[in-house]
Amino acid sequence: MSYDGDTPGMGITCGSSVADSDGRHLGTVAEVGAEHFKIQVHLGRDFWLPFDLVQRFDDESTVLTMPSAAIESRRIYSGIEHLPKEELDGSVKPADYSTPGQIVEASRAAALRDPR
């Protein structure tokens, strides 16, 4: 199956390679959801992108409409359940922490305040 038009979701293949518009390899399609697809990154953090960033795909590859630097703001990282409650309600943003360790520590503190 190949695509070069609207609404790509149903045909993107798990395991296919993902490249940006410059041809730079970003990762591999790990999951396909209703509106987004997950990219598994070798030696990096997996993330989701919306289908509107797909320019074309076939059984072996998916090519995005933008270079990787431009899609940075469109990445959705899974696992938001571990973030502090204040971050989820919008009062604290990830940028308010200077290191990943501070995010982990804030998450632990939030878990102690609100055990579920």
PDB file of N, CA and C in Angstrom:
ATOM      1  N   MET A   1       0.845  -1.169   0.000  1.00  0.00           N
ATOM      2  CA  MET A   1       0.000   0.000   0.000  1.00  0.00           C
ATOM      3  C   MET A   1       0.892   1.234   0.000  1.00  0.00           C
ATOM      4  N   SER A   2       0.497   2.259  -0.689  1.00  0.00           N
ATOM      5  CA  SER A   2       1.237   3.518  -0.666  1.00  0.00           C
ATOM      6  C   SER A   2       0.260   4.677  -0.523  1.00  0.00           C
ATOM      7  N   TYR A   3       0.802   5.831  -0.179  1.00  0.00           N
ATOM      8  CA  TYR A   3      -0.027   6.995   0.100  1.00  0.00           C
ATOM      9  C   TYR A   3       0.682   8.245  -0.393  1.00  0.00           C
ATOM     10  N   ASP A   4      -0.080   9.143  -0.944  1.00  0.00           N
ATOM     11  CA  ASP A   4       0.436  10.449  -1.334  1.00  0.00           C
ATOM     12  C   ASP A   4      -0.744  11.407  -1.415  1.00  0.00           C
ATOM     13  N   GLY A   5      -1.418  11.622  -0.260  1.00  0.00           N
ATOM     14  CA  GLY A   5      -2.627  12.443  -0.253  1.00  0.00           C
ATOM     15  C   GLY A   5      -3.144  12.689   1.139  1.00  0.00           C
ATOM     16  N   ASP A   6      -4.464  12.534   1.349  1.00  0.00           N
ATOM     17  CA  ASP A   6      -5.090  12.837   2.634  1.00  0.00           C
ATOM     18  C   ASP A   6      -5.233  11.598   3.514  1.00  0.00           C
ATOM     19  N   THR A   7      -5.403  11.845   4.825  1.00  0.00           N
ATOM     20  CA  THR A   7      -5.657  10.856   5.870  1.00  0.00           C
ATOM     21  C   THR A   7      -4.851   9.573   5.737  1.00  0.00           C
ATOM     22  N   PRO A   8      -3.601   9.595   6.143  1.00  0.00           N
ATOM     23  CA  PRO A   8      -2.720   8.453   6.004  1.00  0.00           C
ATOM     24  C   PRO A   8      -2.909   7.347   7.027  1.00  0.00           C
ATOM     25  N   GLY A   9      -3.555   7.601   8.148  1.00  0.00           N
ATOM     26  CA  GLY A   9      -3.554   6.721   9.300  1.00  0.00           C
ATOM     27  C   GLY A   9      -3.699   5.244   9.078  1.00  0.00           C
ATOM     28  N   MET A  10      -4.613   4.821   8.266  1.00  0.00           N
ATOM     29  CA  MET A  10      -4.905   3.407   8.140  1.00  0.00           C
ATOM     30  C   MET A  10      -3.850   2.606   7.391  1.00  0.00           C
ATOM     31  N   GLY A  11      -2.948   3.253   6.697  1.00  0.00           N
ATOM     32  CA  GLY A  11      -1.993   2.483   5.916  1.00  0.00           C
ATOM     33  C   GLY A  11      -0.568   2.480   6.409  1.00  0.00           C
ATOM     34  N   ILE A  12      -0.229   3.298   7.406  1.00  0.00           N
ATOM     35  CA  ILE A  12       1.136   3.305   7.916  1.00  0.00           C
ATOM     36  C   ILE A  12       1.417   1.958   8.564  1.00  0.00           C
ATOM     37  N   THR A  13       2.566   1.394   8.236  1.00  0.00           N
ATOM     38  CA  THR A  13       2.918   0.049   8.677  1.00  0.00           C
ATOM     39  C   THR A  13       3.883   0.079   9.850  1.00  0.00           C
ATOM     40  N   CYS A  14       3.544  -0.637  10.923  1.00  0.00           N
ATOM     41  CA  CYS A  14       4.472  -0.779  12.038  1.00  0.00           C
ATOM     42  C   CYS A  14       5.737  -1.460  11.518  1.00  0.00           C
ATOM     43  N   GLY A  15       6.877  -0.939  11.955  1.00  0.00           N
ATOM     44  CA  GLY A  15       8.157  -1.478  11.509  1.00  0.00           C
ATOM     45  C   GLY A  15       8.753  -0.724  10.337  1.00  0.00           C
ATOM     46  N   SER A  16       7.963   0.173   9.725  1.00  0.00           N
ATOM     47  CA  SER A  16       8.502   0.927   8.596  1.00  0.00           C
ATOM     48  C   SER A  16       9.415   2.041   9.111  1.00  0.00           C
ATOM     49  N   SER A  17      10.370   2.405   8.303  1.00  0.00           N
ATOM     50  CA  SER A  17      11.335   3.451   8.621  1.00  0.00           C
ATOM     51  C   SER A  17      10.676   4.827   8.499  1.00  0.00           C
ATOM     52  N   VAL A  18      11.050   5.783   9.384  1.00  0.00           N
ATOM     53  CA  VAL A  18      10.517   7.141   9.336  1.00  0.00           C
ATOM     54  C   VAL A  18      11.669   8.106   9.048  1.00  0.00           C
ATOM     55  N   ALA A  19      11.469   8.979   8.053  1.00  0.00           N
ATOM     56  CA  ALA A  19      12.477   9.975   7.701  1.00  0.00           C
ATOM     57  C   ALA A  19      11.837  11.347   7.640  1.00  0.00           C
ATOM     58  N   ASP A  20      12.643  12.379   7.922  1.00  0.00           N
ATOM     59  CA  ASP A  20      12.127  13.743   7.792  1.00  0.00           C
ATOM     60  C   ASP A  20      12.158  14.148   6.320  1.00  0.00           C
ATOM     61  N   SER A  21      11.761  15.374   6.023  1.00  0.00           N
ATOM     62  CA  SER A  21      11.675  15.814   4.625  1.00  0.00           C
ATOM     63  C   SER A  21      13.043  15.919   3.957  1.00  0.00           C
ATOM     64  N   ASP A  22      14.111  15.961   4.758  1.00  0.00           N
ATOM     65  CA  ASP A  22      15.470  15.994   4.218  1.00  0.00           C
ATOM     66  C   ASP A  22      16.054  14.597   4.027  1.00  0.00           C
ATOM     67  N   GLY A  23      15.266  13.569   4.352  1.00  0.00           N
ATOM     68  CA  GLY A  23      15.722  12.191   4.197  1.00  0.00           C
ATOM     69  C   GLY A  23      16.475  11.648   5.399  1.00  0.00           C
ATOM     70  N   ARG A  24      16.533  12.404   6.488  1.00  0.00           N
ATOM     71  CA  ARG A  24      17.229  11.972   7.701  1.00  0.00           C
ATOM     72  C   ARG A  24      16.372  10.957   8.454  1.00  0.00           C
ATOM     73  N   HIS A  25      16.952   9.798   8.759  1.00  0.00           N
ATOM     74  CA  HIS A  25      16.240   8.734   9.484  1.00  0.00           C
ATOM     75  C   HIS A  25      15.953   9.171  10.916  1.00  0.00           C
ATOM     76  N   LEU A  26      14.677   9.063  11.338  1.00  0.00           N
ATOM     77  CA  LEU A  26      14.286   9.446  12.694  1.00  0.00           C
ATOM     78  C   LEU A  26      14.027   8.243  13.584  1.00  0.00           C
ATOM     79  N   GLY A  27      13.601   7.150  12.991  1.00  0.00           N
ATOM     80  CA  GLY A  27      13.269   5.970  13.778  1.00  0.00           C
ATOM     81  C   GLY A  27      12.387   5.038  12.987  1.00  0.00           C
ATOM     82  N   THR A  28      11.614   4.233  13.720  1.00  0.00           N
ATOM     83  CA  THR A  28      10.753   3.215  13.133  1.00  0.00           C
ATOM     84  C   THR A  28       9.344   3.345  13.704  1.00  0.00           C
ATOM     85  N   VAL A  29       8.333   3.159  12.885  1.00  0.00           N
ATOM     86  CA  VAL A  29       6.948   3.201  13.371  1.00  0.00           C
ATOM     87  C   VAL A  29       6.737   2.032  14.334  1.00  0.00           C
ATOM     88  N   ALA A  30       6.361   2.359  15.573  1.00  0.00           N
ATOM     89  CA  ALA A  30       6.149   1.342  16.596  1.00  0.00           C
ATOM     90  C   ALA A  30       4.667   1.047  16.817  1.00  0.00           C
ATOM     91  N   GLU A  31       3.831   2.083  16.716  1.00  0.00           N
ATOM     92  CA  GLU A  31       2.386   1.935  16.914  1.00  0.00           C
ATOM     93  C   GLU A  31       1.662   2.936  16.030  1.00  0.00           C
ATOM     94  N   VAL A  32       0.428   2.604  15.684  1.00  0.00           N
ATOM     95  CA  VAL A  32      -0.412   3.516  14.908  1.00  0.00           C
ATOM     96  C   VAL A  32      -1.727   3.673  15.656  1.00  0.00           C
ATOM     97  N   GLY A  33      -2.042   4.924  16.013  1.00  0.00           N
ATOM     98  CA  GLY A  33      -3.273   5.207  16.736  1.00  0.00           C
ATOM     99  C   GLY A  33      -4.311   5.822  15.817  1.00  0.00           C
ATOM    100  N   ALA A  34      -5.343   6.395  16.426  1.00  0.00           N
ATOM    101  CA  ALA A  34      -6.434   6.983  15.659  1.00  0.00           C
ATOM    102  C   ALA A  34      -6.011   8.274  14.962  1.00  0.00           C
ATOM    103  N   GLU A  35      -5.171   9.082  15.604  1.00  0.00           N
ATOM    104  CA  GLU A  35      -4.773  10.370  15.043  1.00  0.00           C
ATOM    105  C   GLU A  35      -3.263  10.595  15.016  1.00  0.00           C
ATOM    106  N   HIS A  36      -2.506   9.681  15.640  1.00  0.00           N
ATOM    107  CA  HIS A  36      -1.061   9.834  15.764  1.00  0.00           C
ATOM    108  C   HIS A  36      -0.373   8.492  15.526  1.00  0.00           C
ATOM    109  N   PHE A  37       0.917   8.545  15.300  1.00  0.00           N
ATOM    110  CA  PHE A  37       1.703   7.320  15.227  1.00  0.00           C
ATOM    111  C   PHE A  37       2.957   7.499  16.069  1.00  0.00           C
ATOM    112  N   LYS A  38       3.410   6.384  16.646  1.00  0.00           N
ATOM    113  CA  LYS A  38       4.552   6.413  17.555  1.00  0.00           C
ATOM    114  C   LYS A  38       5.822   6.037  16.804  1.00  0.00           C
ATOM    115  N   ILE A  39       6.866   6.831  17.027  1.00  0.00           N
ATOM    116  CA  ILE A  39       8.159   6.555  16.419  1.00  0.00           C
ATOM    117  C   ILE A  39       9.090   6.032  17.507  1.00  0.00           C
ATOM    118  N   GLN A  40       9.610   4.830  17.276  1.00  0.00           N
ATOM    119  CA  GLN A  40      10.584   4.236  18.179  1.00  0.00           C
ATOM    120  C   GLN A  40      11.961   4.710  17.733  1.00  0.00           C
ATOM    121  N   VAL A  41      12.690   5.302  18.675  1.00  0.00           N
ATOM    122  CA  VAL A  41      13.984   5.893  18.371  1.00  0.00           C
ATOM    123  C   VAL A  41      15.083   5.036  18.969  1.00  0.00           C
ATOM    124  N   HIS A  42      16.062   4.669  18.154  1.00  0.00           N
ATOM    125  CA  HIS A  42      17.207   3.913  18.646  1.00  0.00           C
ATOM    126  C   HIS A  42      18.088   4.860  19.451  1.00  0.00           C
ATOM    127  N   LEU A  43      18.381   4.513  20.687  1.00  0.00           N
ATOM    128  CA  LEU A  43      19.206   5.341  21.572  1.00  0.00           C
ATOM    129  C   LEU A  43      18.615   6.733  21.787  1.00  0.00           C
ATOM    130  N   GLY A  44      17.313   6.797  21.925  1.00  0.00           N
ATOM    131  CA  GLY A  44      16.645   8.067  22.180  1.00  0.00           C
ATOM    132  C   GLY A  44      15.277   7.821  22.782  1.00  0.00           C
ATOM    133  N   ARG A  45      14.521   8.876  22.925  1.00  0.00           N
ATOM    134  CA  ARG A  45      13.191   8.803  23.524  1.00  0.00           C
ATOM    135  C   ARG A  45      12.133   8.679  22.439  1.00  0.00           C
ATOM    136  N   ASP A  46      11.285   7.666  22.548  1.00  0.00           N
ATOM    137  CA  ASP A  46      10.195   7.469  21.594  1.00  0.00           C
ATOM    138  C   ASP A  46       9.208   8.628  21.700  1.00  0.00           C
ATOM    139  N   PHE A  47       8.511   8.897  20.600  1.00  0.00           N
ATOM    140  CA  PHE A  47       7.543   9.990  20.593  1.00  0.00           C
ATOM    141  C   PHE A  47       6.449   9.720  19.572  1.00  0.00           C
ATOM    142  N   TRP A  48       5.354  10.460  19.691  1.00  0.00           N
ATOM    143  CA  TRP A  48       4.211  10.370  18.791  1.00  0.00           C
ATOM    144  C   TRP A  48       4.164  11.625  17.920  1.00  0.00           C
ATOM    145  N   LEU A  49       3.685  11.458  16.693  1.00  0.00           N
ATOM    146  CA  LEU A  49       3.452  12.589  15.791  1.00  0.00           C
ATOM    147  C   LEU A  49       2.062  12.462  15.189  1.00  0.00           C
ATOM    148  N   PRO A  50       1.425  13.581  14.900  1.00  0.00           N
ATOM    149  CA  PRO A  50       0.111  13.537  14.247  1.00  0.00           C
ATOM    150  C   PRO A  50       0.260  13.164  12.773  1.00  0.00           C
ATOM    151  N   PHE A  51      -0.780  12.570  12.223  1.00  0.00           N
ATOM    152  CA  PHE A  51      -0.762  12.149  10.815  1.00  0.00           C
ATOM    153  C   PHE A  51      -0.594  13.306   9.840  1.00  0.00           C
ATOM    154  N   ASP A  52      -0.969  14.526  10.245  1.00  0.00           N
ATOM    155  CA  ASP A  52      -0.857  15.636   9.296  1.00  0.00           C
ATOM    156  C   ASP A  52       0.586  15.984   8.939  1.00  0.00           C
ATOM    157  N   LEU A  53       1.551  15.375   9.625  1.00  0.00           N
ATOM    158  CA  LEU A  53       2.961  15.585   9.289  1.00  0.00           C
ATOM    159  C   LEU A  53       3.488  14.578   8.275  1.00  0.00           C
ATOM    160  N   VAL A  54       2.634  13.650   7.840  1.00  0.00           N
ATOM    161  CA  VAL A  54       3.054  12.634   6.874  1.00  0.00           C
ATOM    162  C   VAL A  54       2.876  13.159   5.456  1.00  0.00           C
ATOM    163  N   GLN A  55       3.957  13.154   4.718  1.00  0.00           N
ATOM    164  CA  GLN A  55       3.908  13.553   3.314  1.00  0.00           C
ATOM    165  C   GLN A  55       3.536  12.363   2.443  1.00  0.00           C
ATOM    166  N   ARG A  56       4.204  11.242   2.687  1.00  0.00           N
ATOM    167  CA  ARG A  56       3.923  10.021   1.921  1.00  0.00           C
ATOM    168  C   ARG A  56       4.439   8.808   2.683  1.00  0.00           C
ATOM    169  N   PHE A  57       3.929   7.642   2.338  1.00  0.00           N
ATOM    170  CA  PHE A  57       4.437   6.400   2.922  1.00  0.00           C
ATOM    171  C   PHE A  57       4.146   5.244   1.990  1.00  0.00           C
ATOM    172  N   ASP A  58       4.868   4.165   2.217  1.00  0.00           N
ATOM    173  CA  ASP A  58       4.574   2.888   1.583  1.00  0.00           C
ATOM    174  C   ASP A  58       4.817   1.823   2.649  1.00  0.00           C
ATOM    175  N   ASP A  59       4.884   0.555   2.263  1.00  0.00           N
ATOM    176  CA  ASP A  59       5.040  -0.513   3.258  1.00  0.00           C
ATOM    177  C   ASP A  59       6.362  -0.443   4.021  1.00  0.00           C
ATOM    178  N   GLU A  60       7.379   0.170   3.446  1.00  0.00           N
ATOM    179  CA  GLU A  60       8.709   0.166   4.056  1.00  0.00           C
ATOM    180  C   GLU A  60       9.139   1.494   4.658  1.00  0.00           C
ATOM    181  N   SER A  61       8.515   2.601   4.265  1.00  0.00           N
ATOM    182  CA  SER A  61       8.980   3.898   4.769  1.00  0.00           C
ATOM    183  C   SER A  61       7.846   4.912   4.888  1.00  0.00           C
ATOM    184  N   THR A  62       8.067   5.867   5.797  1.00  0.00           N
ATOM    185  CA  THR A  62       7.165   7.002   6.002  1.00  0.00           C
ATOM    186  C   THR A  62       8.016   8.260   5.935  1.00  0.00           C
ATOM    187  N   VAL A  63       7.610   9.215   5.116  1.00  0.00           N
ATOM    188  CA  VAL A  63       8.358  10.456   4.963  1.00  0.00           C
ATOM    189  C   VAL A  63       7.496  11.608   5.464  1.00  0.00           C
ATOM    190  N   LEU A  64       8.098  12.460   6.291  1.00  0.00           N
ATOM    191  CA  LEU A  64       7.381  13.584   6.893  1.00  0.00           C
ATOM    192  C   LEU A  64       7.453  14.833   6.016  1.00  0.00           C
ATOM    193  N   THR A  65       6.595  15.795   6.319  1.00  0.00           N
ATOM    194  CA  THR A  65       6.502  17.024   5.521  1.00  0.00           C
ATOM    195  C   THR A  65       7.540  18.065   5.906  1.00  0.00           C
ATOM    196  N   MET A  66       8.257  17.854   7.015  1.00  0.00           N
ATOM    197  CA  MET A  66       9.177  18.867   7.542  1.00  0.00           C
ATOM    198  C   MET A  66      10.518  18.246   7.920  1.00  0.00           C
ATOM    199  N   PRO A  67      11.554  19.099   8.026  1.00  0.00           N
ATOM    200  CA  PRO A  67      12.828  18.612   8.569  1.00  0.00           C
ATOM    201  C   PRO A  67      12.671  18.335  10.065  1.00  0.00           C
ATOM    202  N   SER A  68      13.552  17.539  10.623  1.00  0.00           N
ATOM    203  CA  SER A  68      13.409  17.126  12.025  1.00  0.00           C
ATOM    204  C   SER A  68      13.403  18.293  13.005  1.00  0.00           C
ATOM    205  N   ALA A  69      14.168  19.336  12.763  1.00  0.00           N
ATOM    206  CA  ALA A  69      14.179  20.491  13.674  1.00  0.00           C
ATOM    207  C   ALA A  69      12.810  21.157  13.739  1.00  0.00           C
ATOM    208  N   ALA A  70      12.092  21.183  12.648  1.00  0.00           N
ATOM    209  CA  ALA A  70      10.783  21.833  12.601  1.00  0.00           C
ATOM    210  C   ALA A  70       9.691  21.021  13.297  1.00  0.00           C
ATOM    211  N   ILE A  71       9.860  19.705  13.387  1.00  0.00           N
ATOM    212  CA  ILE A  71       8.826  18.887  14.035  1.00  0.00           C
ATOM    213  C   ILE A  71       9.013  18.792  15.539  1.00  0.00           C
ATOM    214  N   GLU A  72      10.100  19.329  16.052  1.00  0.00           N
ATOM    215  CA  GLU A  72      10.381  19.241  17.487  1.00  0.00           C
ATOM    216  C   GLU A  72       9.189  19.676  18.331  1.00  0.00           C
ATOM    217  N   SER A  73       8.558  20.760  17.991  1.00  0.00           N
ATOM    218  CA  SER A  73       7.436  21.265  18.782  1.00  0.00           C
ATOM    219  C   SER A  73       6.166  20.436  18.603  1.00  0.00           C
ATOM    220  N   ARG A  74       6.141  19.560  17.633  1.00  0.00           N
ATOM    221  CA  ARG A  74       4.950  18.733  17.384  1.00  0.00           C
ATOM    222  C   ARG A  74       5.057  17.349  18.030  1.00  0.00           C
ATOM    223  N   ARG A  75       6.223  17.043  18.591  1.00  0.00           N
ATOM    224  CA  ARG A  75       6.415  15.732  19.222  1.00  0.00           C
ATOM    225  C   ARG A  75       5.573  15.612  20.486  1.00  0.00           C
ATOM    226  N   ILE A  76       4.992  14.448  20.670  1.00  0.00           N
ATOM    227  CA  ILE A  76       4.233  14.145  21.875  1.00  0.00           C
ATOM    228  C   ILE A  76       4.914  12.950  22.515  1.00  0.00           C
ATOM    229  N   TYR A  77       5.388  13.129  23.728  1.00  0.00           N
ATOM    230  CA  TYR A  77       6.081  12.042  24.410  1.00  0.00           C
ATOM    231  C   TYR A  77       5.105  11.257  25.248  1.00  0.00           C
ATOM    232  N   SER A  78       5.196   9.951  25.166  1.00  0.00           N
ATOM    233  CA  SER A  78       4.294   9.096  25.936  1.00  0.00           C
ATOM    234  C   SER A  78       4.746   9.057  27.387  1.00  0.00           C
ATOM    235  N   GLY A  79       3.915   8.540  28.229  1.00  0.00           N
ATOM    236  CA  GLY A  79       4.265   8.390  29.626  1.00  0.00           C
ATOM    237  C   GLY A  79       4.005   9.623  30.458  1.00  0.00           C
ATOM    238  N   ILE A  80       2.999  10.431  30.086  1.00  0.00           N
ATOM    239  CA  ILE A  80       2.744  11.647  30.853  1.00  0.00           C
ATOM    240  C   ILE A  80       2.240  11.349  32.253  1.00  0.00           C
ATOM    241  N   GLU A  81       1.847  10.108  32.523  1.00  0.00           N
ATOM    242  CA  GLU A  81       1.322   9.786  33.844  1.00  0.00           C
ATOM    243  C   GLU A  81       2.389   9.924  34.930  1.00  0.00           C
ATOM    244  N   HIS A  82       3.676   9.929  34.562  1.00  0.00           N
ATOM    245  CA  HIS A  82       4.725  10.065  35.571  1.00  0.00           C
ATOM    246  C   HIS A  82       5.070  11.519  35.890  1.00  0.00           C
ATOM    247  N   LEU A  83       4.501  12.468  35.159  1.00  0.00           N
ATOM    248  CA  LEU A  83       4.822  13.870  35.382  1.00  0.00           C
ATOM    249  C   LEU A  83       4.062  14.413  36.592  1.00  0.00           C
ATOM    250  N   PRO A  84       4.615  15.408  37.238  1.00  0.00           N
ATOM    251  CA  PRO A  84       3.924  15.996  38.394  1.00  0.00           C
ATOM    252  C   PRO A  84       2.552  16.523  38.018  1.00  0.00           C
ATOM    253  N   LYS A  85       1.629  16.445  38.948  1.00  0.00           N
ATOM    254  CA  LYS A  85       0.261  16.898  38.717  1.00  0.00           C
ATOM    255  C   LYS A  85       0.226  18.357  38.267  1.00  0.00           C
ATOM    256  N   GLU A  86       1.114  19.204  38.828  1.00  0.00           N
ATOM    257  CA  GLU A  86       1.153  20.615  38.464  1.00  0.00           C
ATOM    258  C   GLU A  86       1.509  20.779  36.983  1.00  0.00           C
ATOM    259  N   GLU A  87       2.335  19.870  36.479  1.00  0.00           N
ATOM    260  CA  GLU A  87       2.712  19.958  35.076  1.00  0.00           C
ATOM    261  C   GLU A  87       1.536  19.561  34.182  1.00  0.00           C
ATOM    262  N   LEU A  88       0.762  18.599  34.617  1.00  0.00           N
ATOM    263  CA  LEU A  88      -0.378  18.153  33.824  1.00  0.00           C
ATOM    264  C   LEU A  88      -1.479  19.197  33.774  1.00  0.00           C
ATOM    265  N   ASP A  89      -1.658  19.963  34.851  1.00  0.00           N
ATOM    266  CA  ASP A  89      -2.709  20.979  34.833  1.00  0.00           C
ATOM    267  C   ASP A  89      -2.238  22.302  34.230  1.00  0.00           C
ATOM    268  N   GLY A  90      -0.973  22.362  33.793  1.00  0.00           N
ATOM    269  CA  GLY A  90      -0.476  23.526  33.090  1.00  0.00           C
ATOM    270  C   GLY A  90       0.204  24.578  33.940  1.00  0.00           C
ATOM    271  N   SER A  91       0.216  24.398  35.285  1.00  0.00           N
ATOM    272  CA  SER A  91       0.839  25.416  36.121  1.00  0.00           C
ATOM    273  C   SER A  91       2.360  25.318  36.127  1.00  0.00           C
ATOM    274  N   VAL A  92       2.901  24.164  35.761  1.00  0.00           N
ATOM    275  CA  VAL A  92       4.345  23.986  35.656  1.00  0.00           C
ATOM    276  C   VAL A  92       4.631  23.352  34.308  1.00  0.00           C
ATOM    277  N   LYS A  93       5.583  23.863  33.589  1.00  0.00           N
ATOM    278  CA  LYS A  93       5.954  23.340  32.277  1.00  0.00           C
ATOM    279  C   LYS A  93       7.266  22.574  32.396  1.00  0.00           C
ATOM    280  N   PRO A  94       7.527  21.583  31.523  1.00  0.00           N
ATOM    281  CA  PRO A  94       8.791  20.861  31.562  1.00  0.00           C
ATOM    282  C   PRO A  94      10.002  21.800  31.514  1.00  0.00           C
ATOM    283  N   ALA A  95       9.883  22.922  30.846  1.00  0.00           N
ATOM    284  CA  ALA A  95      10.996  23.860  30.736  1.00  0.00           C
ATOM    285  C   ALA A  95      11.327  24.504  32.080  1.00  0.00           C
ATOM    286  N   ASP A  96      10.429  24.397  33.073  1.00  0.00           N
ATOM    287  CA  ASP A  96      10.701  24.946  34.384  1.00  0.00           C
ATOM    288  C   ASP A  96      11.753  24.134  35.139  1.00  0.00           C
ATOM    289  N   TYR A  97      12.068  22.960  34.657  1.00  0.00           N
ATOM    290  CA  TYR A  97      13.099  22.123  35.243  1.00  0.00           C
ATOM    291  C   TYR A  97      14.340  22.219  34.368  1.00  0.00           C
ATOM    292  N   SER A  98      15.504  22.262  34.983  1.00  0.00           N
ATOM    293  CA  SER A  98      16.711  22.414  34.184  1.00  0.00           C
ATOM    294  C   SER A  98      17.335  21.083  33.795  1.00  0.00           C
ATOM    295  N   THR A  99      17.023  20.005  34.512  1.00  0.00           N
ATOM    296  CA  THR A  99      17.601  18.703  34.175  1.00  0.00           C
ATOM    297  C   THR A  99      16.532  17.627  34.262  1.00  0.00           C
ATOM    298  N   PRO A 100      16.744  16.497  33.553  1.00  0.00           N
ATOM    299  CA  PRO A 100      15.799  15.385  33.676  1.00  0.00           C
ATOM    300  C   PRO A 100      15.685  14.885  35.111  1.00  0.00           C
ATOM    301  N   GLY A 101      16.783  14.962  35.872  1.00  0.00           N
ATOM    302  CA  GLY A 101      16.750  14.524  37.267  1.00  0.00           C
ATOM    303  C   GLY A 101      15.773  15.327  38.096  1.00  0.00           C
ATOM    304  N   GLN A 102      15.646  16.617  37.809  1.00  0.00           N
ATOM    305  CA  GLN A 102      14.694  17.447  38.535  1.00  0.00           C
ATOM    306  C   GLN A 102      13.263  17.046  38.219  1.00  0.00           C
ATOM    307  N   ILE A 103      13.008  16.615  36.997  1.00  0.00           N
ATOM    308  CA  ILE A 103      11.672  16.134  36.638  1.00  0.00           C
ATOM    309  C   ILE A 103      11.355  14.877  37.428  1.00  0.00           C
ATOM    310  N   VAL A 104      12.327  13.953  37.523  1.00  0.00           N
ATOM    311  CA  VAL A 104      12.126  12.714  38.281  1.00  0.00           C
ATOM    312  C   VAL A 104      11.874  13.038  39.746  1.00  0.00           C
ATOM    313  N   GLU A 105      12.685  13.921  40.331  1.00  0.00           N
ATOM    314  CA  GLU A 105      12.504  14.283  41.728  1.00  0.00           C
ATOM    315  C   GLU A 105      11.145  14.943  41.963  1.00  0.00           C
ATOM    316  N   ALA A 106      10.723  15.815  41.070  1.00  0.00           N
ATOM    317  CA  ALA A 106       9.412  16.446  41.195  1.00  0.00           C
ATOM    318  C   ALA A 106       8.303  15.404  41.087  1.00  0.00           C
ATOM    319  N   SER A 107       8.502  14.405  40.236  1.00  0.00           N
ATOM    320  CA  SER A 107       7.516  13.338  40.089  1.00  0.00           C
ATOM    321  C   SER A 107       7.398  12.532  41.368  1.00  0.00           C
ATOM    322  N   ARG A 108       8.531  12.231  41.971  1.00  0.00           N
ATOM    323  CA  ARG A 108       8.518  11.485  43.236  1.00  0.00           C
ATOM    324  C   ARG A 108       7.816  12.295  44.325  1.00  0.00           C
ATOM    325  N   ALA A 109       8.116  13.577  44.392  1.00  0.00           N
ATOM    326  CA  ALA A 109       7.480  14.440  45.394  1.00  0.00           C
ATOM    327  C   ALA A 109       5.974  14.491  45.171  1.00  0.00           C
ATOM    328  N   ALA A 110       5.549  14.575  43.911  1.00  0.00           N
ATOM    329  CA  ALA A 110       4.121  14.601  43.598  1.00  0.00           C
ATOM    330  C   ALA A 110       3.464  13.283  44.003  1.00  0.00           C
ATOM    331  N   ALA A 111       4.146  12.175  43.787  1.00  0.00           N
ATOM    332  CA  ALA A 111       3.597  10.871  44.132  1.00  0.00           C
ATOM    333  C   ALA A 111       3.433  10.752  45.651  1.00  0.00           C
ATOM    334  N   LEU A 112       4.355  11.311  46.406  1.00  0.00           N
ATOM    335  CA  LEU A 112       4.251  11.279  47.859  1.00  0.00           C
ATOM    336  C   LEU A 112       3.086  12.133  48.358  1.00  0.00           C
ATOM    337  N   ARG A 113       2.839  13.264  47.677  1.00  0.00           N
ATOM    338  CA  ARG A 113       1.734  14.144  48.048  1.00  0.00           C
ATOM    339  C   ARG A 113       0.380  13.542  47.682  1.00  0.00           C
ATOM    340  N   ASP A 114       0.338  12.802  46.573  1.00  0.00           N
ATOM    341  CA  ASP A 114      -0.927  12.314  46.035  1.00  0.00           C
ATOM    342  C   ASP A 114      -0.800  10.849  45.606  1.00  0.00           C
ATOM    343  N   PRO A 115      -0.664   9.915  46.565  1.00  0.00           N
ATOM    344  CA  PRO A 115      -0.524   8.510  46.174  1.00  0.00           C
ATOM    345  C   PRO A 115      -1.818   7.998  45.565  1.00  0.00           C
ATOM    346  N   ARG A 116      -1.694   7.280  44.467  1.00  0.00           N
ATOM    347  CA  ARG A 116      -2.896   6.781  43.775  1.00  0.00           C
ATOM    348  C   ARG A 116      -3.007   5.304  43.888  1.00  0.00           C
TER     349      ARG A 116
END
